[in-house]
């Protein structure tokens, strides 16, 4: 699933996919979360069943040496993948920020460590050690179910075009407001497209500026946003004159009838 994510989701935009293939990453994460949820329930039921067998005095089937080596190799492979992910995310998300819905690879390494500990203890002598694998499985299943539920929630949130978290929106507003020439900003709309984000905002500039000067300020805002959130960030910046400094004709005037009547009275 991760290979499919990296192979398709990171493809650049084309004529038929103007916003790239980022949604593929979301669908891959959703499918992976469903499989993780099913695996969590299976681990829970299997571990509980083996504990019941032990309580009845019977001896359950213990994992072999091949399962031990597989569990030992898993943290190593995921550690290598973790280094790759951190290097890649350092380019995609400057400052180390990552989507909250993605399951941390550190948690996956923790899961593999629990499995390795449970399987390893079964090779120790004594009937009590035979239950360690089942206990570790039940303990691990709760973490797997929690992680899958978190990923599913984040995936659904992205598919319904939910905005970024409030902290990210505040940082974006601050970055825009601190840009030279921007008086204020309003109407900020954000969403995530796979590993990238889209930002739509209106900025207020001086009403004495011409079109070229206003466009230059919009370009500076776009450059700062892409420098902070990556070159693949989709931005739509609309420059508008500052409402509080517009021409005086916006003030409420008297009706024409009253003005004409007052002028006639003054002439008489």
Protein backbone atom coordinates (compact mmCIF):
# COMPACT_ATOMS: atom_id res chain seq x y z
CA UNK A 1 0.00 0.00 0.00
CA UNK A 2 2.84 2.40 0.80
CA UNK A 3 4.54 1.55 -2.51
CA UNK A 4 1.31 2.34 -4.36
CA UNK A 5 1.07 5.60 -2.42
CA UNK A 6 4.60 6.69 -3.37
CA UNK A 7 4.31 5.52 -6.99
CA UNK A 8 1.00 7.18 -7.88
CA UNK A 9 0.29 9.90 -5.31
CA UNK A 10 3.58 11.73 -5.97
CA UNK A 11 3.02 11.93 -9.73
CA UNK A 12 2.86 15.55 -10.95
CA UNK A 13 -0.34 17.16 -12.14
CA UNK A 14 -1.45 16.68 -15.75
CA UNK A 15 -4.26 17.77 -18.07
CA UNK A 16 -6.79 15.39 -16.55
CA UNK A 17 -5.65 15.89 -12.93
CA UNK A 18 -5.16 19.62 -12.38
CA UNK A 19 -4.55 19.17 -8.66
CA UNK A 20 -2.22 16.20 -9.04
CA UNK A 21 -2.84 12.71 -7.70
CA UNK A 22 -2.87 13.54 -3.99
CA UNK A 23 -6.28 11.96 -3.40
CA UNK A 24 -4.74 8.59 -4.23
CA UNK A 25 -2.69 8.92 -1.05
CA UNK A 26 -5.90 9.56 0.90
CA UNK A 27 -7.63 6.51 -0.60
CA UNK A 28 -4.56 4.35 0.04
CA UNK A 29 -4.49 5.45 3.68
CA UNK A 30 -8.20 4.73 4.01
CA UNK A 31 -7.85 1.23 2.54
CA UNK A 32 -4.82 0.59 4.73
CA UNK A 33 -6.74 1.74 7.82
CA UNK A 34 -9.61 -0.64 7.03
CA UNK A 35 -7.17 -3.54 6.72
CA UNK A 36 -5.52 -2.46 9.96
CA UNK A 37 -8.91 -2.37 11.69
CA UNK A 38 -9.75 -5.89 10.54
CA UNK A 39 -6.31 -7.09 11.60
CA UNK A 40 -6.82 -5.53 15.03
CA UNK A 41 -10.08 -7.42 15.56
CA UNK A 42 -8.49 -10.66 14.33
CA UNK A 43 -5.54 -10.24 16.74
CA UNK A 44 -7.94 -9.52 19.60
CA UNK A 45 -10.14 -12.56 18.95
CA UNK A 46 -7.20 -14.89 18.37
CA UNK A 47 -5.33 -13.73 21.47
CA UNK A 48 -8.46 -14.01 23.61
CA UNK A 49 -9.14 -17.49 22.29
CA UNK A 50 -5.62 -18.67 23.12
CA UNK A 51 -5.92 -17.25 26.65
CA UNK A 52 -9.17 -19.18 27.13
CA UNK A 53 -7.40 -22.37 26.00
CA UNK A 54 -4.66 -21.75 28.56
CA UNK A 55 -7.22 -21.16 31.32
CA UNK A 56 -8.79 -24.52 30.48
CA UNK A 57 -5.41 -26.19 31.01
CA UNK A 58 -4.68 -26.91 27.39
CA UNK A 59 -1.56 -25.83 25.52
CA UNK A 60 -2.10 -23.55 22.52
CA UNK A 61 0.02 -23.64 19.41
CA UNK A 62 3.09 -21.45 19.96
CA UNK A 63 4.78 -19.54 17.14
CA UNK A 64 7.87 -21.04 15.54
CA UNK A 65 11.36 -19.67 15.09
CA UNK A 66 10.46 -18.30 11.65
CA UNK A 67 7.86 -16.01 13.24
CA UNK A 68 10.50 -14.78 15.67
CA UNK A 69 12.92 -13.83 12.89
CA UNK A 70 10.11 -12.20 10.90
CA UNK A 71 9.18 -10.09 13.92
CA UNK A 72 12.84 -9.20 14.45
CA UNK A 73 13.28 -8.10 10.83
CA UNK A 74 10.11 -5.99 10.83
CA UNK A 75 11.39 -3.20 13.18
CA UNK A 76 14.61 -3.00 11.15
CA UNK A 77 12.79 -2.57 7.84
CA UNK A 78 10.38 -0.06 9.33
CA UNK A 79 13.29 1.87 10.84
CA UNK A 80 14.80 2.23 7.36
CA UNK A 81 11.41 3.34 6.04
CA UNK A 82 11.16 5.84 8.90
CA UNK A 83 14.42 7.50 7.86
CA UNK A 84 13.18 7.66 4.27
CA UNK A 85 9.83 9.13 5.34
CA UNK A 86 11.45 11.78 7.53
CA UNK A 87 13.79 12.81 4.72
CA UNK A 88 10.90 13.01 2.26
CA UNK A 89 8.57 14.83 4.65
CA UNK A 90 11.32 17.30 5.42
CA UNK A 91 11.02 18.39 1.79
CA UNK A 92 7.24 18.20 1.58
CA UNK A 93 6.54 19.76 4.96
CA UNK A 94 9.18 22.34 5.92
CA UNK A 95 9.55 22.70 9.66
CA UNK A 96 8.79 19.01 10.28
CA UNK A 97 4.99 19.30 10.15
CA UNK A 98 3.10 16.19 9.08
CA UNK A 99 -0.57 15.32 8.58
CA UNK A 100 -1.98 14.27 11.93
CA UNK A 101 -4.00 11.42 10.42
CA UNK A 102 -0.97 9.38 9.29
CA UNK A 103 0.09 6.65 11.65
CA UNK A 104 3.60 7.35 12.91
CA UNK A 105 6.16 4.78 11.88
CA UNK A 106 7.54 5.01 15.41
CA UNK A 107 4.25 3.51 16.60
CA UNK A 108 4.60 0.74 14.02
CA UNK A 109 8.08 -0.03 15.37
CA UNK A 110 6.59 -0.11 18.86
CA UNK A 111 3.96 -2.62 17.69
CA UNK A 112 6.63 -4.82 16.13
CA UNK A 113 8.66 -4.66 19.34
CA UNK A 114 5.67 -5.89 21.35
CA UNK A 115 5.20 -8.79 18.94
CA UNK A 116 8.90 -9.65 19.15
CA UNK A 117 8.80 -9.60 22.95
CA UNK A 118 5.70 -11.80 23.09
CA UNK A 119 7.07 -14.38 20.66
CA UNK A 120 10.48 -14.40 22.31
CA UNK A 121 9.05 -15.10 25.75
CA UNK A 122 7.27 -18.22 24.47
CA UNK A 123 10.65 -19.90 23.94
CA UNK A 124 11.44 -19.62 27.65
CA UNK A 125 10.81 -22.64 29.84
CA UNK A 126 7.73 -22.78 32.01
CA UNK A 127 4.02 -22.96 31.29
CA UNK A 128 3.46 -19.35 32.34
CA UNK A 129 5.66 -18.01 29.56
CA UNK A 130 3.40 -19.64 26.96
CA UNK A 131 0.74 -17.04 27.71
CA UNK A 132 3.00 -14.05 26.99
CA UNK A 133 2.38 -14.19 23.25
CA UNK A 134 -1.40 -14.19 23.77
CA UNK A 135 -1.21 -11.39 26.34
CA UNK A 136 0.98 -9.32 24.04
CA UNK A 137 -1.47 -9.93 21.19
CA UNK A 138 -4.47 -8.72 23.23
CA UNK A 139 -2.49 -5.73 24.50
CA UNK A 140 -1.33 -4.89 20.99
CA UNK A 141 -4.80 -5.22 19.46
CA UNK A 142 -6.10 -2.22 21.44
CA UNK A 143 -3.30 -0.02 20.07
CA UNK A 144 -3.96 -1.28 16.54
CA UNK A 145 -7.69 -0.55 16.82
CA UNK A 146 -7.02 2.93 18.19
CA UNK A 147 -4.49 3.71 15.46
CA UNK A 148 -6.78 2.48 12.67
CA UNK A 149 -9.72 4.50 14.02
CA UNK A 150 -7.55 7.63 14.09
CA UNK A 151 -6.41 7.12 10.51
CA UNK A 152 -9.95 6.41 9.30
CA UNK A 153 -11.20 9.60 10.96
CA UNK A 154 -8.44 11.64 9.32
CA UNK A 155 -9.12 10.06 5.92
CA UNK A 156 -12.83 10.80 6.12
CA UNK A 157 -12.03 14.34 7.22
CA UNK A 158 -9.90 14.89 4.16
CA UNK A 159 -12.37 13.33 1.72
CA UNK A 160 -15.10 15.75 2.85
CA UNK A 161 -12.70 18.66 2.20
CA UNK A 162 -12.21 19.63 5.84
CA UNK A 163 -9.97 22.63 6.48
CA UNK A 164 -6.59 22.42 8.17
CA UNK A 165 -6.38 22.56 11.95
CA UNK A 166 -6.80 25.93 13.68
CA UNK A 167 -3.11 26.24 14.52
CA UNK A 168 -2.11 25.85 10.86
CA UNK A 169 -4.74 28.40 9.80
CA UNK A 170 -3.46 30.87 12.39
CA UNK A 171 0.10 30.43 11.14
CA UNK A 172 -1.04 31.00 7.56
CA UNK A 173 -2.91 34.18 8.53
CA UNK A 174 0.11 35.46 10.43
CA UNK A 175 2.43 34.76 7.51
CA UNK A 176 0.11 36.57 5.08
CA UNK A 177 -0.48 39.57 7.36
CA UNK A 178 3.27 40.04 7.88
CA UNK A 179 3.90 40.26 4.13
CA UNK A 180 4.93 43.73 2.96
CA UNK A 181 2.01 45.62 1.43
CA UNK A 182 -0.75 43.50 3.00
CA UNK A 183 -3.06 45.45 5.28
CA UNK A 184 -5.21 42.48 6.32
CA UNK A 185 -6.58 39.18 5.02
CA UNK A 186 -10.00 37.55 5.10
CA UNK A 187 -11.94 34.60 3.73
CA UNK A 188 -9.15 32.07 4.33
CA UNK A 189 -10.02 28.61 2.99
CA UNK A 190 -7.66 25.67 3.33
CA UNK A 191 -7.77 21.97 2.58
CA UNK A 192 -5.40 19.08 2.17
CA UNK A 193 -4.84 17.32 -1.15
CA UNK A 194 -2.87 14.19 -0.31
CA UNK A 195 0.52 15.35 0.91
CA UNK A 196 -0.03 18.91 -0.34
CA UNK A 197 -2.33 21.70 0.79
CA UNK A 198 -4.48 24.30 -1.00
CA UNK A 199 -4.86 27.88 0.27
CA UNK A 200 -7.49 30.34 -0.95
CA UNK A 201 -7.52 33.82 0.61
CA UNK A 202 -8.38 37.46 -0.08
CA UNK A 203 -5.90 40.17 0.93
CA UNK A 204 -6.59 43.87 1.42
CA UNK A 205 -4.12 46.38 -0.03
CA UNK A 206 -4.05 50.16 -0.40
CA UNK A 207 -6.73 51.37 -2.83
CA UNK A 208 -4.21 53.79 -4.40
CA UNK A 209 -2.20 50.91 -5.89
CA UNK A 210 -2.50 49.99 -9.54
CA UNK A 211 -3.13 46.48 -10.85
CA UNK A 212 0.57 45.70 -11.29
CA UNK A 213 1.48 46.74 -7.75
CA UNK A 214 -1.40 44.71 -6.26
CA UNK A 215 -0.36 41.68 -8.33
CA UNK A 216 3.19 42.06 -7.03
CA UNK A 217 1.96 41.89 -3.43
CA UNK A 218 -0.08 38.76 -4.27
CA UNK A 219 3.04 37.18 -5.76
CA UNK A 220 5.02 37.91 -2.59
CA UNK A 221 2.31 36.26 -0.49
CA UNK A 222 2.35 33.22 -2.76
CA UNK A 223 6.15 32.97 -2.57
CA UNK A 224 6.10 33.10 1.24
CA UNK A 225 3.40 30.43 1.46
CA UNK A 226 5.27 28.09 -0.88
CA UNK A 227 8.52 28.69 1.00
CA UNK A 228 6.79 27.67 4.24
CA UNK A 229 4.62 24.79 3.01
CA UNK A 230 6.39 23.50 -0.10
CA UNK A 231 6.54 24.37 -3.79
CA UNK A 232 3.63 22.01 -4.52
CA UNK A 233 1.23 24.14 -2.44
CA UNK A 234 -1.82 25.33 -4.40
CA UNK A 235 -2.49 29.01 -3.77
CA UNK A 236 -5.21 31.41 -4.93
CA UNK A 237 -4.55 34.97 -3.71
CA UNK A 238 -7.12 37.67 -4.49
CA UNK A 239 -6.06 41.30 -3.91
CA UNK A 240 -8.82 43.76 -2.98
CA UNK A 241 -8.77 47.45 -1.94
CA UNK A 242 -8.91 48.07 1.78
CA UNK A 243 -12.56 48.66 2.69
CA UNK A 244 -11.73 50.98 5.57
CA UNK A 245 -9.75 53.34 3.31
CA UNK A 246 -12.00 53.52 0.27
CA UNK A 247 -13.16 56.73 -1.40
CA UNK A 248 -15.67 58.95 0.46
CA UNK A 249 -18.46 58.19 -2.02
CA UNK A 250 -19.16 55.06 0.03
CA UNK A 251 -20.51 57.23 2.84
CA UNK A 252 -24.29 57.41 3.13
CA UNK A 253 -25.61 60.47 1.26
CA UNK A 254 -28.92 62.26 1.47
CA UNK A 255 -31.61 61.38 -1.03
CA UNK A 256 -31.77 63.53 -4.22
CA UNK A 257 -35.29 64.77 -3.39
CA UNK A 258 -34.21 66.13 -0.01
CA UNK A 259 -31.12 67.75 -1.51
CA UNK A 260 -33.11 69.49 -4.27
CA UNK A 261 -35.72 70.71 -1.78
CA UNK A 262 -33.08 72.10 0.52
CA UNK A 263 -31.42 73.95 -2.39
CA UNK A 264 -34.75 75.54 -3.44
CA UNK A 265 -35.41 76.73 0.11
CA UNK A 266 -31.95 78.24 0.36
CA UNK A 267 -32.46 80.12 -2.98
CA UNK A 268 -35.79 81.56 -1.84
